[in-house]
């Protein structure tokens, strides 16, 4: 896998009328989907999905108005790929938050027509820079299918000679009309760790409401989560596979002021609901084995 120019990738992979390779924000290489079922964008930088919009619907993925697009920046909004650790690395606070793969260029392996949509396959491997934080060889591969639903699969293949502990998340920012009015169903009775309270274990009961800054890792749950948005008059279903935890995050007004690449007025317009394997639900992957984390995001009418 080698990095290649936009022109070469376009000549090799473009699907006329469905997908093309171009230069996006910050000069970053971007695959733009223009299929009958949906439009979308995914960047090689971090394998970062920046947009998905089913035909006839409003945008489903939120992007920060202050997102940074530099070579070493994590992109705020969209769907960052987190791994092989989550949040700060326990034994090295200088390591990149959420892992190095979201701040490095991935390689385009395939563009395919799938029904009336398109699938993008990107991959990355550990390298000399990454080994300073993570000494284990791996390949990560992301397949994103842009159609009436958005389906994502993230593979981690352990190429080390020993079993490896891996935490991961598809850090999905969902666009909402007003986060203070949305509800989440599917987390009733689920225990969680509250990152804003020293990761103390708690249990949630009933429908979830965003009433304050929230950073919860819901554990031992494989359930769908249904986000109901009365402002945009829609429901978003988040289904998942190979995932035993769901992260729910919104910084609210005070938290947003501490995030330089998030506009002060951005926070009411997204809710992060993330298929993941984090904290108590982190994985142990044996040598030569592949684990696949999957999520499907779909719209339902109110």
C-alpha atoms as a PDB file:
ATOM      1  CA  UNK A   1       0.000   0.000   0.000  1.00  0.00           C
ATOM      2  CA  UNK A   2       1.571   3.305  -1.084  1.00  0.00           C
ATOM      3  CA  UNK A   3       0.237   6.817  -1.103  1.00  0.00           C
ATOM      4  CA  UNK A   4      -0.627   8.008  -4.591  1.00  0.00           C
ATOM      5  CA  UNK A   5      -1.568  11.321  -6.192  1.00  0.00           C
ATOM      6  CA  UNK A   6      -5.177  12.410  -6.511  1.00  0.00           C
ATOM      7  CA  UNK A   7      -4.957  12.226 -10.302  1.00  0.00           C
ATOM      8  CA  UNK A   8      -3.619   8.666 -10.252  1.00  0.00           C
ATOM      9  CA  UNK A   9      -6.237   7.520  -7.741  1.00  0.00           C
ATOM     10  CA  UNK A  10      -8.978   9.143  -9.782  1.00  0.00           C
ATOM     11  CA  UNK A  11      -7.809   7.391 -12.937  1.00  0.00           C
ATOM     12  CA  UNK A  12      -7.539   4.041 -11.163  1.00  0.00           C
ATOM     13  CA  UNK A  13     -10.630   4.013  -8.946  1.00  0.00           C
ATOM     14  CA  UNK A  14     -13.289   6.521 -10.073  1.00  0.00           C
ATOM     15  CA  UNK A  15     -16.817   5.251 -10.688  1.00  0.00           C
ATOM     16  CA  UNK A  16     -18.480   7.634 -13.162  1.00  0.00           C
ATOM     17  CA  UNK A  17     -21.735   8.938 -11.732  1.00  0.00           C
ATOM     18  CA  UNK A  18     -21.088   7.267  -8.354  1.00  0.00           C
ATOM     19  CA  UNK A  19     -17.742   8.251  -6.830  1.00  0.00           C
ATOM     20  CA  UNK A  20     -14.649  10.267  -7.651  1.00  0.00           C
ATOM     21  CA  UNK A  21     -11.358  11.187  -5.994  1.00  0.00           C
ATOM     22  CA  UNK A  22     -10.640  14.887  -5.529  1.00  0.00           C
ATOM     23  CA  UNK A  23      -8.905  17.431  -3.310  1.00  0.00           C
ATOM     24  CA  UNK A  24     -10.978  18.444  -0.294  1.00  0.00           C
ATOM     25  CA  UNK A  25     -10.563  20.700   2.718  1.00  0.00           C
ATOM     26  CA  UNK A  26      -6.985  21.586   3.624  1.00  0.00           C
ATOM     27  CA  UNK A  27      -5.750  20.028   0.401  1.00  0.00           C
ATOM     28  CA  UNK A  28      -6.569  16.574   1.782  1.00  0.00           C
ATOM     29  CA  UNK A  29      -7.494  13.750  -0.584  1.00  0.00           C
ATOM     30  CA  UNK A  30     -11.210  13.052  -0.483  1.00  0.00           C
ATOM     31  CA  UNK A  31     -13.548  10.496  -2.068  1.00  0.00           C
ATOM     32  CA  UNK A  32     -16.901  12.083  -2.928  1.00  0.00           C
ATOM     33  CA  UNK A  33     -19.948   9.881  -3.352  1.00  0.00           C
ATOM     34  CA  UNK A  34     -22.644  11.051  -5.782  1.00  0.00           C
ATOM     35  CA  UNK A  35     -24.789   7.932  -5.997  1.00  0.00           C
ATOM     36  CA  UNK A  36     -28.552   7.747  -6.629  1.00  0.00           C
ATOM     37  CA  UNK A  37     -29.153   6.645  -3.020  1.00  0.00           C
ATOM     38  CA  UNK A  38     -26.915   9.138  -1.225  1.00  0.00           C
ATOM     39  CA  UNK A  39     -24.089  11.637  -1.323  1.00  0.00           C
ATOM     40  CA  UNK A  40     -21.115  11.544   1.008  1.00  0.00           C
ATOM     41  CA  UNK A  41     -17.458  12.284   1.639  1.00  0.00           C
ATOM     42  CA  UNK A  42     -14.635  10.259   3.143  1.00  0.00           C
ATOM     43  CA  UNK A  43     -11.060  11.494   3.546  1.00  0.00           C
ATOM     44  CA  UNK A  44      -7.919   9.391   3.305  1.00  0.00           C
ATOM     45  CA  UNK A  45      -6.699  11.332   6.360  1.00  0.00           C
ATOM     46  CA  UNK A  46      -7.857   9.156   9.239  1.00  0.00           C
ATOM     47  CA  UNK A  47     -10.305   7.234   6.996  1.00  0.00           C
ATOM     48  CA  UNK A  48     -12.589  10.017   8.150  1.00  0.00           C
ATOM     49  CA  UNK A  49     -16.202  10.105   6.982  1.00  0.00           C
ATOM     50  CA  UNK A  50     -17.195  13.772   6.753  1.00  0.00           C
ATOM     51  CA  UNK A  51     -20.660  13.533   5.204  1.00  0.00           C
ATOM     52  CA  UNK A  52     -23.543  11.215   4.457  1.00  0.00           C
ATOM     53  CA  UNK A  53     -26.852  12.444   3.117  1.00  0.00           C
ATOM     54  CA  UNK A  54     -29.506  10.031   1.849  1.00  0.00           C
ATOM     55  CA  UNK A  55     -31.331  11.325  -1.213  1.00  0.00           C
ATOM     56  CA  UNK A  56     -34.230  13.535  -0.177  1.00  0.00           C
ATOM     57  CA  UNK A  57     -33.015  13.907   3.420  1.00  0.00           C
ATOM     58  CA  UNK A  58     -31.019  16.479   5.357  1.00  0.00           C
ATOM     59  CA  UNK A  59     -27.404  15.837   6.342  1.00  0.00           C
ATOM     60  CA  UNK A  60     -27.083  13.130   8.990  1.00  0.00           C
ATOM     61  CA  UNK A  61     -23.421  13.669   9.931  1.00  0.00           C
ATOM     62  CA  UNK A  62     -22.284  16.804  11.783  1.00  0.00           C
ATOM     63  CA  UNK A  63     -19.015  18.632  11.032  1.00  0.00           C
ATOM     64  CA  UNK A  64     -17.535  21.335  13.245  1.00  0.00           C
ATOM     65  CA  UNK A  65     -17.453  24.848  11.810  1.00  0.00           C
ATOM     66  CA  UNK A  66     -13.914  25.119  13.249  1.00  0.00           C
ATOM     67  CA  UNK A  67     -12.551  21.736  12.121  1.00  0.00           C
ATOM     68  CA  UNK A  68      -8.809  21.653  11.428  1.00  0.00           C
ATOM     69  CA  UNK A  69      -7.523  19.998   8.269  1.00  0.00           C
ATOM     70  CA  UNK A  70      -3.768  19.969   8.783  1.00  0.00           C
ATOM     71  CA  UNK A  71      -1.522  17.001   8.068  1.00  0.00           C
ATOM     72  CA  UNK A  72      -1.318  16.030  11.743  1.00  0.00           C
ATOM     73  CA  UNK A  73      -4.719  17.260  12.927  1.00  0.00           C
ATOM     74  CA  UNK A  74      -7.609  15.170  14.158  1.00  0.00           C
ATOM     75  CA  UNK A  75     -10.720  16.296  12.259  1.00  0.00           C
ATOM     76  CA  UNK A  76     -13.537  17.491  14.522  1.00  0.00           C
ATOM     77  CA  UNK A  77     -16.916  16.046  13.618  1.00  0.00           C
ATOM     78  CA  UNK A  78     -17.850  13.378  11.102  1.00  0.00           C
ATOM     79  CA  UNK A  79     -16.864   9.832  12.093  1.00  0.00           C
ATOM     80  CA  UNK A  80     -13.301   9.640  13.426  1.00  0.00           C
ATOM     81  CA  UNK A  81     -11.756   6.178  13.725  1.00  0.00           C
ATOM     82  CA  UNK A  82     -10.454   5.661  17.276  1.00  0.00           C
ATOM     83  CA  UNK A  83      -7.952   2.919  18.039  1.00  0.00           C
ATOM     84  CA  UNK A  84      -6.093   0.915  19.088  1.00  0.00           C
ATOM     85  CA  UNK A  85      -6.778   2.829  22.311  1.00  0.00           C
ATOM     86  CA  UNK A  86      -9.590   5.135  23.398  1.00  0.00           C
ATOM     87  CA  UNK A  87      -9.271   8.570  25.035  1.00  0.00           C
ATOM     88  CA  UNK A  88      -5.794   9.190  26.486  1.00  0.00           C
ATOM     89  CA  UNK A  89      -3.345   6.280  26.452  1.00  0.00           C
ATOM     90  CA  UNK A  90      -3.077   5.013  30.018  1.00  0.00           C
ATOM     91  CA  UNK A  91       0.703   4.565  30.052  1.00  0.00           C
ATOM     92  CA  UNK A  92       1.704   7.514  27.840  1.00  0.00           C
ATOM     93  CA  UNK A  93      -0.098  10.871  28.110  1.00  0.00           C
ATOM     94  CA  UNK A  94       1.970  12.203  25.189  1.00  0.00           C
ATOM     95  CA  UNK A  95       0.531   9.615  22.782  1.00  0.00           C
ATOM     96  CA  UNK A  96      -2.205  10.819  20.418  1.00  0.00           C
ATOM     97  CA  UNK A  97      -5.624  10.875  22.043  1.00  0.00           C
ATOM     98  CA  UNK A  98      -7.816   8.059  20.656  1.00  0.00           C
ATOM     99  CA  UNK A  99      -4.824   6.512  18.874  1.00  0.00           C
ATOM    100  CA  UNK A 100      -2.658   7.381  15.866  1.00  0.00           C
ATOM    101  CA  UNK A 101      -4.797   6.056  13.022  1.00  0.00           C
ATOM    102  CA  UNK A 102      -7.138   9.057  12.993  1.00  0.00           C
ATOM    103  CA  UNK A 103      -4.249  11.461  12.275  1.00  0.00           C
ATOM    104  CA  UNK A 104      -2.471   9.582   9.484  1.00  0.00           C
ATOM    105  CA  UNK A 105      -3.285   9.038   5.806  1.00  0.00           C
ATOM    106  CA  UNK A 106      -4.879   5.717   4.891  1.00  0.00           C
ATOM    107  CA  UNK A 107      -4.602   4.042   1.500  1.00  0.00           C
ATOM    108  CA  UNK A 108      -7.461   3.636  -0.946  1.00  0.00           C
ATOM    109  CA  UNK A 109      -7.884  -0.040  -1.811  1.00  0.00           C
ATOM    110  CA  UNK A 110     -11.225  -0.155  -3.648  1.00  0.00           C
ATOM    111  CA  UNK A 111     -14.266   1.750  -4.873  1.00  0.00           C
ATOM    112  CA  UNK A 112     -17.260  -0.411  -5.741  1.00  0.00           C
ATOM    113  CA  UNK A 113     -20.812   0.078  -6.892  1.00  0.00           C
ATOM    114  CA  UNK A 114     -23.186  -1.514  -4.354  1.00  0.00           C
ATOM    115  CA  UNK A 115     -26.787  -1.409  -5.563  1.00  0.00           C
ATOM    116  CA  UNK A 116     -27.639   2.275  -5.962  1.00  0.00           C
ATOM    117  CA  UNK A 117     -24.819   3.279  -3.606  1.00  0.00           C
ATOM    118  CA  UNK A 118     -21.042   2.961  -3.388  1.00  0.00           C
ATOM    119  CA  UNK A 119     -18.537   1.286  -1.064  1.00  0.00           C
ATOM    120  CA  UNK A 120     -15.103   2.696  -0.200  1.00  0.00           C
ATOM    121  CA  UNK A 121     -12.355   0.487   1.249  1.00  0.00           C
ATOM    122  CA  UNK A 122      -9.369   2.104   2.984  1.00  0.00           C
ATOM    123  CA  UNK A 123      -6.523   0.483   4.919  1.00  0.00           C
ATOM    124  CA  UNK A 124      -3.534   1.361   7.082  1.00  0.00           C
ATOM    125  CA  UNK A 125      -0.746  -0.487   8.849  1.00  0.00           C
ATOM    126  CA  UNK A 126       1.374   0.330  11.842  1.00  0.00           C
ATOM    127  CA  UNK A 127       4.594   2.124  10.877  1.00  0.00           C
ATOM    128  CA  UNK A 128       7.789   3.341  12.488  1.00  0.00           C
ATOM    129  CA  UNK A 129       6.125   6.481  13.858  1.00  0.00           C
ATOM    130  CA  UNK A 130       3.224   4.516  15.278  1.00  0.00           C
ATOM    131  CA  UNK A 131       5.474   1.933  16.917  1.00  0.00           C
ATOM    132  CA  UNK A 132       6.804   4.536  19.359  1.00  0.00           C
ATOM    133  CA  UNK A 133       3.359   4.358  20.990  1.00  0.00           C
ATOM    134  CA  UNK A 134       2.121   0.912  19.890  1.00  0.00           C
ATOM    135  CA  UNK A 135       4.797  -1.742  19.303  1.00  0.00           C
ATOM    136  CA  UNK A 136       2.421  -4.299  17.767  1.00  0.00           C
ATOM    137  CA  UNK A 137       2.073  -4.769  14.028  1.00  0.00           C
ATOM    138  CA  UNK A 138      -1.457  -4.562  12.665  1.00  0.00           C
ATOM    139  CA  UNK A 139      -3.569  -3.798   9.641  1.00  0.00           C
ATOM    140  CA  UNK A 140      -6.757  -1.802  10.033  1.00  0.00           C
ATOM    141  CA  UNK A 141      -9.246  -1.762   7.191  1.00  0.00           C
ATOM    142  CA  UNK A 142     -12.412   0.331   6.912  1.00  0.00           C
ATOM    143  CA  UNK A 143     -15.264  -0.376   4.506  1.00  0.00           C
ATOM    144  CA  UNK A 144     -17.903   2.356   4.246  1.00  0.00           C
ATOM    145  CA  UNK A 145     -21.022   1.757   2.154  1.00  0.00           C
ATOM    146  CA  UNK A 146     -22.890   4.937   1.284  1.00  0.00           C
ATOM    147  CA  UNK A 147     -26.501   4.179   0.393  1.00  0.00           C
ATOM    148  CA  UNK A 148     -29.957   4.685   1.839  1.00  0.00           C
ATOM    149  CA  UNK A 149     -28.218   3.586   5.052  1.00  0.00           C
ATOM    150  CA  UNK A 150     -24.584   4.183   5.993  1.00  0.00           C
ATOM    151  CA  UNK A 151     -22.854   0.898   6.840  1.00  0.00           C
ATOM    152  CA  UNK A 152     -19.314   0.870   8.243  1.00  0.00           C
ATOM    153  CA  UNK A 153     -17.036  -2.049   9.083  1.00  0.00           C
ATOM    154  CA  UNK A 154     -13.679  -1.576  10.805  1.00  0.00           C
ATOM    155  CA  UNK A 155     -11.267  -4.543  10.877  1.00  0.00           C
ATOM    156  CA  UNK A 156      -8.312  -4.855  13.234  1.00  0.00           C
ATOM    157  CA  UNK A 157      -5.959  -7.668  12.201  1.00  0.00           C
ATOM    158  CA  UNK A 158      -3.328  -8.520  14.798  1.00  0.00           C
ATOM    159  CA  UNK A 159      -0.033  -9.196  13.020  1.00  0.00           C
ATOM    160  CA  UNK A 160       1.984  -9.363  16.222  1.00  0.00           C
ATOM    161  CA  UNK A 161       3.259 -12.615  17.681  1.00  0.00           C
ATOM    162  CA  UNK A 162       1.266 -12.167  20.887  1.00  0.00           C
ATOM    163  CA  UNK A 163      -2.263 -11.347  21.937  1.00  0.00           C
ATOM    164  CA  UNK A 164      -2.944  -7.606  21.991  1.00  0.00           C
ATOM    165  CA  UNK A 165      -5.409  -5.492  24.022  1.00  0.00           C
ATOM    166  CA  UNK A 166      -7.382  -3.207  21.709  1.00  0.00           C
ATOM    167  CA  UNK A 167      -9.928  -0.459  22.405  1.00  0.00           C
ATOM    168  CA  UNK A 168     -11.778   1.096  19.475  1.00  0.00           C
ATOM    169  CA  UNK A 169     -14.682   3.317  18.497  1.00  0.00           C
ATOM    170  CA  UNK A 170     -16.423   4.779  15.484  1.00  0.00           C
ATOM    171  CA  UNK A 171     -16.793   8.234  17.040  1.00  0.00           C
ATOM    172  CA  UNK A 172     -19.994   9.209  15.207  1.00  0.00           C
ATOM    173  CA  UNK A 173     -21.223  12.820  15.356  1.00  0.00           C
ATOM    174  CA  UNK A 174     -24.928  12.799  14.446  1.00  0.00           C
ATOM    175  CA  UNK A 175     -26.480  16.055  13.256  1.00  0.00           C
ATOM    176  CA  UNK A 176     -29.472  17.094  15.375  1.00  0.00           C
ATOM    177  CA  UNK A 177     -31.723  20.140  15.553  1.00  0.00           C
ATOM    178  CA  UNK A 178     -31.182  20.747  19.279  1.00  0.00           C
ATOM    179  CA  UNK A 179     -29.448  18.148  21.443  1.00  0.00           C
ATOM    180  CA  UNK A 180     -31.449  19.331  24.469  1.00  0.00           C
ATOM    181  CA  UNK A 181     -34.609  18.072  22.810  1.00  0.00           C
ATOM    182  CA  UNK A 182     -33.461  14.720  21.418  1.00  0.00           C
ATOM    183  CA  UNK A 183     -33.976  11.411  23.217  1.00  0.00           C
ATOM    184  CA  UNK A 184     -32.096   8.104  23.076  1.00  0.00           C
ATOM    185  CA  UNK A 185     -33.832   4.780  23.531  1.00  0.00           C
ATOM    186  CA  UNK A 186     -32.068   1.430  23.857  1.00  0.00           C
ATOM    187  CA  UNK A 187     -29.953   2.107  26.954  1.00  0.00           C
ATOM    188  CA  UNK A 188     -32.524   1.358  29.667  1.00  0.00           C
ATOM    189  CA  UNK A 189     -31.022  -0.701  32.492  1.00  0.00           C
ATOM    190  CA  UNK A 190     -27.475  -0.514  31.065  1.00  0.00           C
ATOM    191  CA  UNK A 191     -24.521   0.114  33.366  1.00  0.00           C
ATOM    192  CA  UNK A 192     -22.044   2.783  32.301  1.00  0.00           C
ATOM    193  CA  UNK A 193     -18.869   4.544  33.329  1.00  0.00           C
ATOM    194  CA  UNK A 194     -19.121   8.312  33.707  1.00  0.00           C
ATOM    195  CA  UNK A 195     -15.916   9.940  32.428  1.00  0.00           C
ATOM    196  CA  UNK A 196     -16.948  13.215  34.083  1.00  0.00           C
ATOM    197  CA  UNK A 197     -17.112  11.508  37.488  1.00  0.00           C
ATOM    198  CA  UNK A 198     -13.775   9.625  37.540  1.00  0.00           C
ATOM    199  CA  UNK A 199     -15.309   6.807  35.467  1.00  0.00           C
ATOM    200  CA  UNK A 200     -17.517   5.800  38.351  1.00  0.00           C
ATOM    201  CA  UNK A 201     -19.862   2.959  37.436  1.00  0.00           C
ATOM    202  CA  UNK A 202     -23.558   3.888  37.337  1.00  0.00           C
ATOM    203  CA  UNK A 203     -26.742   2.492  35.828  1.00  0.00           C
ATOM    204  CA  UNK A 204     -29.111   4.281  33.465  1.00  0.00           C
ATOM    205  CA  UNK A 205     -32.862   3.816  33.673  1.00  0.00           C
ATOM    206  CA  UNK A 206     -35.431   4.761  31.030  1.00  0.00           C
ATOM    207  CA  UNK A 207     -35.063   7.078  28.034  1.00  0.00           C
ATOM    208  CA  UNK A 208     -31.828   9.090  27.885  1.00  0.00           C
ATOM    209  CA  UNK A 209     -31.955  12.907  27.713  1.00  0.00           C
ATOM    210  CA  UNK A 210     -29.031  15.297  27.212  1.00  0.00           C
ATOM    211  CA  UNK A 211     -29.521  17.619  30.185  1.00  0.00           C
ATOM    212  CA  UNK A 212     -25.844  18.499  30.820  1.00  0.00           C
ATOM    213  CA  UNK A 213     -22.334  17.716  29.644  1.00  0.00           C
ATOM    214  CA  UNK A 214     -22.231  13.981  28.967  1.00  0.00           C
ATOM    215  CA  UNK A 215     -19.384  11.507  28.450  1.00  0.00           C
ATOM    216  CA  UNK A 216     -20.648   8.004  29.213  1.00  0.00           C
ATOM    217  CA  UNK A 217     -19.381   4.595  28.130  1.00  0.00           C
ATOM    218  CA  UNK A 218     -22.374   2.221  28.267  1.00  0.00           C
ATOM    219  CA  UNK A 219     -21.084  -1.314  28.853  1.00  0.00           C
ATOM    220  CA  UNK A 220     -22.123  -4.838  27.904  1.00  0.00           C
ATOM    221  CA  UNK A 221     -24.719  -3.613  25.429  1.00  0.00           C
ATOM    222  CA  UNK A 222     -25.285  -4.749  21.861  1.00  0.00           C
ATOM    223  CA  UNK A 223     -28.656  -2.989  21.504  1.00  0.00           C
ATOM    224  CA  UNK A 224     -29.674  -0.639  18.739  1.00  0.00           C
ATOM    225  CA  UNK A 225     -29.981   2.967  19.897  1.00  0.00           C
ATOM    226  CA  UNK A 226     -32.813   5.050  18.497  1.00  0.00           C
ATOM    227  CA  UNK A 227     -32.297   8.819  18.463  1.00  0.00           C
ATOM    228  CA  UNK A 228     -35.540  10.801  18.186  1.00  0.00           C
ATOM    229  CA  UNK A 229     -35.163  14.396  16.976  1.00  0.00           C
ATOM    230  CA  UNK A 230     -38.390  16.449  17.225  1.00  0.00           C
ATOM    231  CA  UNK A 231     -36.755  19.540  15.712  1.00  0.00           C
ATOM    232  CA  UNK A 232     -35.611  17.851  12.482  1.00  0.00           C
ATOM    233  CA  UNK A 233     -38.642  15.547  12.650  1.00  0.00           C
ATOM    234  CA  UNK A 234     -36.750  12.305  12.201  1.00  0.00           C
ATOM    235  CA  UNK A 235     -35.367   9.266  13.985  1.00  0.00           C
ATOM    236  CA  UNK A 236     -31.860   7.931  13.514  1.00  0.00           C
ATOM    237  CA  UNK A 237     -31.256   4.246  14.255  1.00  0.00           C
ATOM    238  CA  UNK A 238     -27.733   3.219  15.231  1.00  0.00           C
ATOM    239  CA  UNK A 239     -27.269  -0.538  14.883  1.00  0.00           C
ATOM    240  CA  UNK A 240     -23.997  -2.310  15.527  1.00  0.00           C
ATOM    241  CA  UNK A 241     -22.123  -5.594  15.389  1.00  0.00           C
ATOM    242  CA  UNK A 242     -18.923  -6.792  17.019  1.00  0.00           C
ATOM    243  CA  UNK A 243     -19.513  -4.085  19.614  1.00  0.00           C
ATOM    244  CA  UNK A 244     -20.149  -4.475  23.341  1.00  0.00           C
ATOM    245  CA  UNK A 245     -20.140  -0.824  24.399  1.00  0.00           C
ATOM    246  CA  UNK A 246     -21.803   2.401  23.251  1.00  0.00           C
ATOM    247  CA  UNK A 247     -20.248   5.789  23.974  1.00  0.00           C
ATOM    248  CA  UNK A 248     -22.577   8.813  24.300  1.00  0.00           C
ATOM    249  CA  UNK A 249     -20.989  12.283  24.331  1.00  0.00           C
ATOM    250  CA  UNK A 250     -21.882  15.949  24.121  1.00  0.00           C
ATOM    251  CA  UNK A 251     -19.755  18.695  25.754  1.00  0.00           C
ATOM    252  CA  UNK A 252     -22.601  21.156  26.400  1.00  0.00           C
ATOM    253  CA  UNK A 253     -21.837  24.860  26.624  1.00  0.00           C
ATOM    254  CA  UNK A 254     -18.989  24.820  29.160  1.00  0.00           C
ATOM    255  CA  UNK A 255     -17.203  21.842  27.638  1.00  0.00           C
ATOM    256  CA  UNK A 256     -17.467  23.295  24.132  1.00  0.00           C
ATOM    257  CA  UNK A 257     -15.635  26.442  25.213  1.00  0.00           C
ATOM    258  CA  UNK A 258     -12.607  24.303  26.067  1.00  0.00           C
ATOM    259  CA  UNK A 259     -12.440  22.706  22.609  1.00  0.00           C
ATOM    260  CA  UNK A 260     -10.626  25.060  20.189  1.00  0.00           C
ATOM    261  CA  UNK A 261     -11.755  23.291  17.011  1.00  0.00           C
ATOM    262  CA  UNK A 262     -15.433  23.371  17.997  1.00  0.00           C
ATOM    263  CA  UNK A 263     -17.461  26.546  17.583  1.00  0.00           C
ATOM    264  CA  UNK A 264     -19.130  27.862  20.729  1.00  0.00           C
ATOM    265  CA  UNK A 265     -22.502  27.511  19.015  1.00  0.00           C
ATOM    266  CA  UNK A 266     -21.863  24.053  17.542  1.00  0.00           C
ATOM    267  CA  UNK A 267     -22.613  21.869  20.567  1.00  0.00           C
ATOM    268  CA  UNK A 268     -26.448  21.966  20.383  1.00  0.00           C
ATOM    269  CA  UNK A 269     -26.308  20.570  16.857  1.00  0.00           C
ATOM    270  CA  UNK A 270     -24.734  17.155  17.418  1.00  0.00           C
ATOM    271  CA  UNK A 271     -25.008  14.058  19.556  1.00  0.00           C
ATOM    272  CA  UNK A 272     -22.223  11.472  19.539  1.00  0.00           C
ATOM    273  CA  UNK A 273     -23.496   7.886  19.702  1.00  0.00           C
ATOM    274  CA  UNK A 274     -20.614   5.502  19.074  1.00  0.00           C
ATOM    275  CA  UNK A 275     -20.339   1.784  18.362  1.00  0.00           C
ATOM    276  CA  UNK A 276     -17.278   0.778  20.342  1.00  0.00           C
ATOM    277  CA  UNK A 277     -15.314  -1.680  22.434  1.00  0.00           C
ATOM    278  CA  UNK A 278     -13.862   0.426  25.242  1.00  0.00           C
ATOM    279  CA  UNK A 279     -12.935   0.292  28.932  1.00  0.00           C
ATOM    280  CA  UNK A 280     -14.389  -2.895  30.509  1.00  0.00           C
ATOM    281  CA  UNK A 281     -15.359  -4.022  26.986  1.00  0.00           C
ATOM    282  CA  UNK A 282     -11.955  -3.609  25.345  1.00  0.00           C
ATOM    283  CA  UNK A 283     -10.831  -6.566  23.240  1.00  0.00           C
ATOM    284  CA  UNK A 284      -7.998  -9.050  23.392  1.00  0.00           C
ATOM    285  CA  UNK A 285      -7.117 -10.127  19.852  1.00  0.00           C
ATOM    286  CA  UNK A 286      -5.000 -13.227  19.325  1.00  0.00           C
ATOM    287  CA  UNK A 287      -2.090 -13.387  16.850  1.00  0.00           C
ATOM    288  CA  UNK A 288      -3.305 -13.599  13.267  1.00  0.00           C
ATOM    289  CA  UNK A 289      -6.916 -12.932  14.225  1.00  0.00           C
ATOM    290  CA  UNK A 290      -9.201 -10.188  12.854  1.00  0.00           C
ATOM    291  CA  UNK A 291     -11.972  -8.469  14.764  1.00  0.00           C
ATOM    292  CA  UNK A 292     -14.647  -6.497  12.895  1.00  0.00           C
ATOM    293  CA  UNK A 293     -16.525  -3.612  14.498  1.00  0.00           C
ATOM    294  CA  UNK A 294     -19.608  -2.630  12.509  1.00  0.00           C
ATOM    295  CA  UNK A 295     -22.300   0.017  12.627  1.00  0.00           C
ATOM    296  CA  UNK A 296     -25.292   0.881  10.431  1.00  0.00           C
ATOM    297  CA  UNK A 297     -26.918   4.312  10.588  1.00  0.00           C
ATOM    298  CA  UNK A 298     -30.349   4.666   9.072  1.00  0.00           C
ATOM    299  CA  UNK A 299     -33.220   7.168   9.059  1.00  0.00           C
ATOM    300  CA  UNK A 300     -36.763   6.459  10.151  1.00  0.00           C
ATOM    301  CA  UNK A 301     -39.762   8.783   9.929  1.00  0.00           C
ATOM    302  CA  UNK A 302     -41.401  10.152  13.063  1.00  0.00           C
END
